[in-house]
Structure formats: structure tokens, C-alpha cells
Amino acid sequence: MVQKNRSKEKNSKRPPALLTVGDVASLLNLHPNTVRRWAGQGILKALRVGPRRDRRFYRADISRLLRVSLKGSVGDEAESSLRR
């Protein structure tokens, strides 16, 4: 009998809740170093994960930032890309 990996199926249908520095930089049209600096300054809330202490950002936090900070088509376009 073949067993399906249910968690993999669920994750493949839904984008991950955590975003990398590169993901956030692309969504906000920023350089990755700017994202890191903003996280260090507390402008963006970041989690530190793994042995390298890489930064991860909650998708909901970035979406909220876009709704609050950006108005018009640029904000709508960036926010829609978060839903993909």
C-alpha cells in the first residue's frame, strides 16, 4: 500500500506562512540588506530560525505592512502576490 504524505499535500496547496529575507525583499521591492536592517531596527518583526539564525517573517505581518503603508495599485499588486 502506498501512503501519502498528507502534510506535504497540505503545504503544496498553501504558500508557507514564513517568508525569507529574499521573499520579503522581492515583495517590497527592496534590497535584502534593507530588509535585514529594518528587522534589526524593529520596523519588520523577524523570527530567527535554525543554527545560522536566519531571519523569517510572518506572511501576515508583511501583508499588514502593505495594507497600512501602501495605497493604490502598487500595494494591491504586492498584496495579491502574497496570496499566491
PDB file of N, CA and C in Angstrom:
ATOM      1  N   MET A   1       0.837  -1.164   0.000  1.00  0.00           N
ATOM      2  CA  MET A   1       0.000   0.000   0.000  1.00  0.00           C
ATOM      3  C   MET A   1       0.896   1.246   0.000  1.00  0.00           C
ATOM      4  N   VAL A   2       0.506   2.230  -0.775  1.00  0.00           N
ATOM      5  CA  VAL A   2       1.252   3.479  -0.862  1.00  0.00           C
ATOM      6  C   VAL A   2       0.622   4.487   0.091  1.00  0.00           C
ATOM      7  N   GLN A   3       1.460   5.034   0.972  1.00  0.00           N
ATOM      8  CA  GLN A   3       0.963   6.042   1.900  1.00  0.00           C
ATOM      9  C   GLN A   3       1.293   7.419   1.362  1.00  0.00           C
ATOM     10  N   LYS A   4       0.337   8.290   1.451  1.00  0.00           N
ATOM     11  CA  LYS A   4       0.554   9.663   1.004  1.00  0.00           C
ATOM     12  C   LYS A   4       1.031  10.500   2.183  1.00  0.00           C
ATOM     13  N   ASN A   5       1.906  11.399   1.878  1.00  0.00           N
ATOM     14  CA  ASN A   5       2.381  12.335   2.892  1.00  0.00           C
ATOM     15  C   ASN A   5       1.393  13.492   2.939  1.00  0.00           C
ATOM     16  N   ARG A   6       0.474  13.436   3.889  1.00  0.00           N
ATOM     17  CA  ARG A   6      -0.602  14.427   3.954  1.00  0.00           C
ATOM     18  C   ARG A   6      -0.089  15.832   4.228  1.00  0.00           C
ATOM     19  N   SER A   7       0.930  15.952   5.063  1.00  0.00           N
ATOM     20  CA  SER A   7       1.435  17.295   5.360  1.00  0.00           C
ATOM     21  C   SER A   7       2.046  17.928   4.123  1.00  0.00           C
ATOM     22  N   LYS A   8       2.678  17.133   3.285  1.00  0.00           N
ATOM     23  CA  LYS A   8       3.245  17.670   2.050  1.00  0.00           C
ATOM     24  C   LYS A   8       2.131  18.133   1.117  1.00  0.00           C
ATOM     25  N   GLU A   9       1.043  17.371   1.048  1.00  0.00           N
ATOM     26  CA  GLU A   9      -0.083  17.769   0.204  1.00  0.00           C
ATOM     27  C   GLU A   9      -0.695  19.076   0.686  1.00  0.00           C
ATOM     28  N   LYS A  10      -0.857  19.224   1.987  1.00  0.00           N
ATOM     29  CA  LYS A  10      -1.433  20.454   2.524  1.00  0.00           C
ATOM     30  C   LYS A  10      -0.533  21.645   2.227  1.00  0.00           C
ATOM     31  N   ASN A  11       0.767  21.473   2.414  1.00  0.00           N
ATOM     32  CA  ASN A  11       1.703  22.573   2.200  1.00  0.00           C
ATOM     33  C   ASN A  11       1.826  22.953   0.735  1.00  0.00           C
ATOM     34  N   SER A  12       1.637  22.003  -0.166  1.00  0.00           N
ATOM     35  CA  SER A  12       1.785  22.320  -1.581  1.00  0.00           C
ATOM     36  C   SER A  12       0.630  23.183  -2.088  1.00  0.00           C
ATOM     37  N   LYS A  13      -0.502  23.149  -1.404  1.00  0.00           N
ATOM     38  CA  LYS A  13      -1.656  23.933  -1.829  1.00  0.00           C
ATOM     39  C   LYS A  13      -1.655  25.330  -1.230  1.00  0.00           C
ATOM     40  N   ARG A  14      -0.921  25.524  -0.157  1.00  0.00           N
ATOM     41  CA  ARG A  14      -0.923  26.795   0.548  1.00  0.00           C
ATOM     42  C   ARG A  14       0.509  27.319   0.631  1.00  0.00           C
ATOM     43  N   PRO A  15       0.718  28.603   0.334  1.00  0.00           N
ATOM     44  CA  PRO A  15       2.070  29.145   0.454  1.00  0.00           C
ATOM     45  C   PRO A  15       2.521  29.106   1.909  1.00  0.00           C
ATOM     46  N   PRO A  16       3.819  29.017   2.131  1.00  0.00           N
ATOM     47  CA  PRO A  16       4.298  28.951   3.510  1.00  0.00           C
ATOM     48  C   PRO A  16       3.979  30.226   4.276  1.00  0.00           C
ATOM     49  N   ALA A  17       3.729  30.060   5.574  1.00  0.00           N
ATOM     50  CA  ALA A  17       3.383  31.203   6.419  1.00  0.00           C
ATOM     51  C   ALA A  17       4.598  32.068   6.712  1.00  0.00           C
ATOM     52  N   LEU A  18       5.795  31.493   6.578  1.00  0.00           N
ATOM     53  CA  LEU A  18       7.017  32.244   6.850  1.00  0.00           C
ATOM     54  C   LEU A  18       7.726  32.587   5.548  1.00  0.00           C
ATOM     55  N   LEU A  19       8.219  33.803   5.477  1.00  0.00           N
ATOM     56  CA  LEU A  19       8.923  34.290   4.290  1.00  0.00           C
ATOM     57  C   LEU A  19      10.389  34.515   4.622  1.00  0.00           C
ATOM     58  N   THR A  20      11.249  34.317   3.634  1.00  0.00           N
ATOM     59  CA  THR A  20      12.674  34.583   3.794  1.00  0.00           C
ATOM     60  C   THR A  20      12.960  36.062   3.559  1.00  0.00           C
ATOM     61  N   VAL A  21      14.195  36.460   3.852  1.00  0.00           N
ATOM     62  CA  VAL A  21      14.625  37.833   3.568  1.00  0.00           C
ATOM     63  C   VAL A  21      14.436  38.123   2.082  1.00  0.00           C
ATOM     64  N   GLY A  22      14.811  37.185   1.232  1.00  0.00           N
ATOM     65  CA  GLY A  22      14.668  37.369  -0.213  1.00  0.00           C
ATOM     66  C   GLY A  22      13.224  37.510  -0.647  1.00  0.00           C
ATOM     67  N   ASP A  23      12.342  36.710  -0.046  1.00  0.00           N
ATOM     68  CA  ASP A  23      10.913  36.809  -0.364  1.00  0.00           C
ATOM     69  C   ASP A  23      10.381  38.203  -0.041  1.00  0.00           C
ATOM     70  N   VAL A  24      10.702  38.677   1.155  1.00  0.00           N
ATOM     71  CA  VAL A  24      10.221  39.992   1.594  1.00  0.00           C
ATOM     72  C   VAL A  24      10.812  41.096   0.725  1.00  0.00           C
ATOM     73  N   ALA A  25      12.098  40.976   0.417  1.00  0.00           N
ATOM     74  CA  ALA A  25      12.749  41.981  -0.434  1.00  0.00           C
ATOM     75  C   ALA A  25      12.054  42.062  -1.789  1.00  0.00           C
ATOM     76  N   SER A  26      11.721  40.920  -2.365  1.00  0.00           N
ATOM     77  CA  SER A  26      11.032  40.909  -3.662  1.00  0.00           C
ATOM     78  C   SER A  26       9.646  41.535  -3.563  1.00  0.00           C
ATOM     79  N   LEU A  27       8.905  41.177  -2.530  1.00  0.00           N
ATOM     80  CA  LEU A  27       7.548  41.700  -2.374  1.00  0.00           C
ATOM     81  C   LEU A  27       7.528  43.204  -2.146  1.00  0.00           C
ATOM     82  N   LEU A  28       8.511  43.704  -1.398  1.00  0.00           N
ATOM     83  CA  LEU A  28       8.543  45.129  -1.072  1.00  0.00           C
ATOM     84  C   LEU A  28       9.429  45.930  -2.013  1.00  0.00           C
ATOM     85  N   ASN A  29      10.027  45.239  -2.979  1.00  0.00           N
ATOM     86  CA  ASN A  29      10.925  45.882  -3.943  1.00  0.00           C
ATOM     87  C   ASN A  29      12.068  46.608  -3.221  1.00  0.00           C
ATOM     88  N   LEU A  30      12.702  45.877  -2.312  1.00  0.00           N
ATOM     89  CA  LEU A  30      13.812  46.400  -1.522  1.00  0.00           C
ATOM     90  C   LEU A  30      15.037  45.513  -1.703  1.00  0.00           C
ATOM     91  N   HIS A  31      16.185  46.030  -1.348  1.00  0.00           N
ATOM     92  CA  HIS A  31      17.395  45.217  -1.308  1.00  0.00           C
ATOM     93  C   HIS A  31      17.321  44.344  -0.048  1.00  0.00           C
ATOM     94  N   PRO A  32      17.798  43.107  -0.113  1.00  0.00           N
ATOM     95  CA  PRO A  32      17.768  42.243   1.076  1.00  0.00           C
ATOM     96  C   PRO A  32      18.435  42.870   2.308  1.00  0.00           C
ATOM     97  N   ASN A  33      19.487  43.648   2.103  1.00  0.00           N
ATOM     98  CA  ASN A  33      20.134  44.294   3.251  1.00  0.00           C
ATOM     99  C   ASN A  33      19.212  45.313   3.922  1.00  0.00           C
ATOM    100  N   THR A  34      18.335  45.947   3.142  1.00  0.00           N
ATOM    101  CA  THR A  34      17.358  46.874   3.722  1.00  0.00           C
ATOM    102  C   THR A  34      16.374  46.111   4.598  1.00  0.00           C
ATOM    103  N   VAL A  35      15.940  44.948   4.133  1.00  0.00           N
ATOM    104  CA  VAL A  35      15.029  44.113   4.927  1.00  0.00           C
ATOM    105  C   VAL A  35      15.713  43.716   6.237  1.00  0.00           C
ATOM    106  N   ARG A  36      16.970  43.314   6.164  1.00  0.00           N
ATOM    107  CA  ARG A  36      17.714  42.941   7.377  1.00  0.00           C
ATOM    108  C   ARG A  36      17.843  44.134   8.331  1.00  0.00           C
ATOM    109  N   ARG A  37      18.148  45.297   7.784  1.00  0.00           N
ATOM    110  CA  ARG A  37      18.301  46.495   8.609  1.00  0.00           C
ATOM    111  C   ARG A  37      16.972  46.857   9.279  1.00  0.00           C
ATOM    112  N   TRP A  38      15.872  46.814   8.507  1.00  0.00           N
ATOM    113  CA  TRP A  38      14.559  47.119   9.068  1.00  0.00           C
ATOM    114  C   TRP A  38      14.201  46.130  10.173  1.00  0.00           C
ATOM    115  N   ALA A  39      14.568  44.866   9.995  1.00  0.00           N
ATOM    116  CA  ALA A  39      14.314  43.871  11.043  1.00  0.00           C
ATOM    117  C   ALA A  39      15.127  44.213  12.289  1.00  0.00           C
ATOM    118  N   GLY A  40      16.372  44.609  12.108  1.00  0.00           N
ATOM    119  CA  GLY A  40      17.217  44.995  13.233  1.00  0.00           C
ATOM    120  C   GLY A  40      16.707  46.222  13.956  1.00  0.00           C
ATOM    121  N   GLN A  41      16.076  47.129  13.218  1.00  0.00           N
ATOM    122  CA  GLN A  41      15.530  48.360  13.798  1.00  0.00           C
ATOM    123  C   GLN A  41      14.124  48.164  14.373  1.00  0.00           C
ATOM    124  N   GLY A  42      13.546  46.988  14.145  1.00  0.00           N
ATOM    125  CA  GLY A  42      12.207  46.717  14.654  1.00  0.00           C
ATOM    126  C   GLY A  42      11.083  47.172  13.746  1.00  0.00           C
ATOM    127  N   ILE A  43      11.420  47.664  12.561  1.00  0.00           N
ATOM    128  CA  ILE A  43      10.388  48.077  11.603  1.00  0.00           C
ATOM    129  C   ILE A  43       9.637  46.851  11.100  1.00  0.00           C
ATOM    130  N   LEU A  44      10.362  45.769  10.863  1.00  0.00           N
ATOM    131  CA  LEU A  44       9.781  44.482  10.491  1.00  0.00           C
ATOM    132  C   LEU A  44      10.058  43.495  11.619  1.00  0.00           C
ATOM    133  N   LYS A  45       9.054  42.729  11.999  1.00  0.00           N
ATOM    134  CA  LYS A  45       9.229  41.720  13.035  1.00  0.00           C
ATOM    135  C   LYS A  45       9.782  40.454  12.391  1.00  0.00           C
ATOM    136  N   ALA A  46      10.912  39.989  12.900  1.00  0.00           N
ATOM    137  CA  ALA A  46      11.554  38.801  12.336  1.00  0.00           C
ATOM    138  C   ALA A  46      11.738  37.735  13.403  1.00  0.00           C
ATOM    139  N   LEU A  47      11.645  36.500  12.964  1.00  0.00           N
ATOM    140  CA  LEU A  47      11.990  35.356  13.801  1.00  0.00           C
ATOM    141  C   LEU A  47      13.375  34.899  13.391  1.00  0.00           C
ATOM    142  N   ARG A  48      14.125  34.332  14.310  1.00  0.00           N
ATOM    143  CA  ARG A  48      15.429  33.769  13.972  1.00  0.00           C
ATOM    144  C   ARG A  48      15.284  32.253  14.074  1.00  0.00           C
ATOM    145  N   VAL A  49      15.634  31.550  13.001  1.00  0.00           N
ATOM    146  CA  VAL A  49      15.447  30.100  12.960  1.00  0.00           C
ATOM    147  C   VAL A  49      16.734  29.400  12.545  1.00  0.00           C
ATOM    148  N   GLY A  50      16.844  28.156  12.969  1.00  0.00           N
ATOM    149  CA  GLY A  50      17.953  27.309  12.548  1.00  0.00           C
ATOM    150  C   GLY A  50      19.279  27.669  13.194  1.00  0.00           C
ATOM    151  N   PRO A  51      20.271  26.841  12.919  1.00  0.00           N
ATOM    152  CA  PRO A  51      21.597  27.056  13.520  1.00  0.00           C
ATOM    153  C   PRO A  51      22.279  28.331  13.026  1.00  0.00           C
ATOM    154  N   ARG A  52      21.927  28.776  11.826  1.00  0.00           N
ATOM    155  CA  ARG A  52      22.523  30.015  11.300  1.00  0.00           C
ATOM    156  C   ARG A  52      21.758  31.251  11.751  1.00  0.00           C
ATOM    157  N   ARG A  53      20.638  31.024  12.466  1.00  0.00           N
ATOM    158  CA  ARG A  53      19.802  32.123  12.961  1.00  0.00           C
ATOM    159  C   ARG A  53      19.283  32.997  11.819  1.00  0.00           C
ATOM    160  N   ASP A  54      18.876  32.343  10.727  1.00  0.00           N
ATOM    161  CA  ASP A  54      18.306  33.062   9.586  1.00  0.00           C
ATOM    162  C   ASP A  54      17.012  33.754   9.996  1.00  0.00           C
ATOM    163  N   ARG A  55      16.748  34.873   9.365  1.00  0.00           N
ATOM    164  CA  ARG A  55      15.523  35.624   9.649  1.00  0.00           C
ATOM    165  C   ARG A  55      14.369  35.053   8.830  1.00  0.00           C
ATOM    166  N   ARG A  56      13.207  34.985   9.465  1.00  0.00           N
ATOM    167  CA  ARG A  56      11.970  34.627   8.790  1.00  0.00           C
ATOM    168  C   ARG A  56      10.912  35.620   9.227  1.00  0.00           C
ATOM    169  N   PHE A  57       9.988  35.880   8.323  1.00  0.00           N
ATOM    170  CA  PHE A  57       8.955  36.884   8.550  1.00  0.00           C
ATOM    171  C   PHE A  57       7.593  36.244   8.336  1.00  0.00           C
ATOM    172  N   TYR A  58       6.643  36.564   9.208  1.00  0.00           N
ATOM    173  CA  TYR A  58       5.288  36.059   9.021  1.00  0.00           C
ATOM    174  C   TYR A  58       4.650  36.756   7.829  1.00  0.00           C
ATOM    175  N   ARG A  59       4.041  35.953   6.978  1.00  0.00           N
ATOM    176  CA  ARG A  59       3.346  36.468   5.801  1.00  0.00           C
ATOM    177  C   ARG A  59       2.283  37.493   6.214  1.00  0.00           C
ATOM    178  N   ALA A  60       1.569  37.227   7.287  1.00  0.00           N
ATOM    179  CA  ALA A  60       0.513  38.140   7.746  1.00  0.00           C
ATOM    180  C   ALA A  60       1.084  39.501   8.142  1.00  0.00           C
ATOM    181  N   ASP A  61       2.268  39.517   8.759  1.00  0.00           N
ATOM    182  CA  ASP A  61       2.885  40.792   9.144  1.00  0.00           C
ATOM    183  C   ASP A  61       3.242  41.626   7.919  1.00  0.00           C
ATOM    184  N   ILE A  62       3.779  40.971   6.893  1.00  0.00           N
ATOM    185  CA  ILE A  62       4.162  41.692   5.673  1.00  0.00           C
ATOM    186  C   ILE A  62       2.913  42.174   4.947  1.00  0.00           C
ATOM    187  N   SER A  63       1.876  41.349   4.917  1.00  0.00           N
ATOM    188  CA  SER A  63       0.617  41.742   4.291  1.00  0.00           C
ATOM    189  C   SER A  63       0.018  42.953   5.005  1.00  0.00           C
ATOM    190  N   ARG A  64       0.066  42.937   6.334  1.00  0.00           N
ATOM    191  CA  ARG A  64      -0.447  44.059   7.124  1.00  0.00           C
ATOM    192  C   ARG A  64       0.350  45.328   6.831  1.00  0.00           C
ATOM    193  N   LEU A  65       1.660  45.202   6.745  1.00  0.00           N
ATOM    194  CA  LEU A  65       2.511  46.351   6.423  1.00  0.00           C
ATOM    195  C   LEU A  65       2.127  46.943   5.071  1.00  0.00           C
ATOM    196  N   LEU A  66       1.879  46.085   4.096  1.00  0.00           N
ATOM    197  CA  LEU A  66       1.497  46.562   2.766  1.00  0.00           C
ATOM    198  C   LEU A  66       0.155  47.286   2.803  1.00  0.00           C
ATOM    199  N   ARG A  67      -0.795  46.736   3.545  1.00  0.00           N
ATOM    200  CA  ARG A  67      -2.116  47.376   3.626  1.00  0.00           C
ATOM    201  C   ARG A  67      -2.026  48.745   4.281  1.00  0.00           C
ATOM    202  N   VAL A  68      -1.233  48.855   5.328  1.00  0.00           N
ATOM    203  CA  VAL A  68      -1.127  50.105   6.074  1.00  0.00           C
ATOM    204  C   VAL A  68      -0.289  51.131   5.326  1.00  0.00           C
ATOM    205  N   SER A  69       0.828  50.685   4.740  1.00  0.00           N
ATOM    206  CA  SER A  69       1.815  51.611   4.178  1.00  0.00           C
ATOM    207  C   SER A  69       1.568  52.006   2.735  1.00  0.00           C
ATOM    208  N   LEU A  70       1.075  51.079   1.954  1.00  0.00           N
ATOM    209  CA  LEU A  70       0.966  51.333   0.521  1.00  0.00           C
ATOM    210  C   LEU A  70      -0.485  51.469   0.103  1.00  0.00           C
ATOM    211  N   LYS A  71      -0.761  52.458  -0.681  1.00  0.00           N
ATOM    212  CA  LYS A  71      -2.101  52.675  -1.223  1.00  0.00           C
ATOM    213  C   LYS A  71      -2.018  52.578  -2.740  1.00  0.00           C
ATOM    214  N   GLY A  72      -3.112  52.140  -3.359  1.00  0.00           N
ATOM    215  CA  GLY A  72      -3.163  52.123  -4.811  1.00  0.00           C
ATOM    216  C   GLY A  72      -2.681  50.826  -5.420  1.00  0.00           C
ATOM    217  N   SER A  73      -2.375  50.878  -6.704  1.00  0.00           N
ATOM    218  CA  SER A  73      -2.099  49.668  -7.474  1.00  0.00           C
ATOM    219  C   SER A  73      -0.834  48.951  -7.034  1.00  0.00           C
ATOM    220  N   VAL A  74       0.184  49.667  -6.611  1.00  0.00           N
ATOM    221  CA  VAL A  74       1.420  49.006  -6.195  1.00  0.00           C
ATOM    222  C   VAL A  74       1.156  48.143  -4.976  1.00  0.00           C
ATOM    223  N   GLY A  75       0.461  48.674  -3.989  1.00  0.00           N
ATOM    224  CA  GLY A  75       0.136  47.907  -2.797  1.00  0.00           C
ATOM    225  C   GLY A  75      -0.775  46.736  -3.099  1.00  0.00           C
ATOM    226  N   ASP A  76      -1.769  46.946  -3.961  1.00  0.00           N
ATOM    227  CA  ASP A  76      -2.681  45.874  -4.330  1.00  0.00           C
ATOM    228  C   ASP A  76      -1.945  44.763  -5.058  1.00  0.00           C
ATOM    229  N   GLU A  77      -1.044  45.136  -5.963  1.00  0.00           N
ATOM    230  CA  GLU A  77      -0.287  44.145  -6.722  1.00  0.00           C
ATOM    231  C   GLU A  77       0.617  43.334  -5.805  1.00  0.00           C
ATOM    232  N   ALA A  78       1.312  43.997  -4.909  1.00  0.00           N
ATOM    233  CA  ALA A  78       2.209  43.298  -3.986  1.00  0.00           C
ATOM    234  C   ALA A  78       1.416  42.404  -3.044  1.00  0.00           C
ATOM    235  N   GLU A  79       0.287  42.889  -2.558  1.00  0.00           N
ATOM    236  CA  GLU A  79      -0.521  42.090  -1.646  1.00  0.00           C
ATOM    237  C   GLU A  79      -1.099  40.870  -2.354  1.00  0.00           C
ATOM    238  N   SER A  80      -1.506  41.016  -3.609  1.00  0.00           N
ATOM    239  CA  SER A  80      -2.041  39.867  -4.333  1.00  0.00           C
ATOM    240  C   SER A  80      -0.969  38.809  -4.542  1.00  0.00           C
ATOM    241  N   SER A  81       0.284  39.221  -4.673  1.00  0.00           N
ATOM    242  CA  SER A  81       1.352  38.240  -4.838  1.00  0.00           C
ATOM    243  C   SER A  81       1.585  37.471  -3.547  1.00  0.00           C
ATOM    244  N   LEU A  82       1.213  38.027  -2.406  1.00  0.00           N
ATOM    245  CA  LEU A  82       1.319  37.309  -1.140  1.00  0.00           C
ATOM    246  C   LEU A  82       0.319  36.167  -1.070  1.00  0.00           C
ATOM    247  N   ARG A  83      -0.791  36.295  -1.765  1.00  0.00           N
ATOM    248  CA  ARG A  83      -1.839  35.270  -1.719  1.00  0.00           C
ATOM    249  C   ARG A  83      -1.548  34.096  -2.636  1.00  0.00           C
ATOM    250  N   ARG A  84      -0.592  34.218  -3.514  1.00  0.00           N
ATOM    251  CA  ARG A  84      -0.300  33.137  -4.469  1.00  0.00           C
ATOM    252  C   ARG A  84       0.250  31.922  -3.795  1.00  0.00           C
TER     253      ARG A  84
END
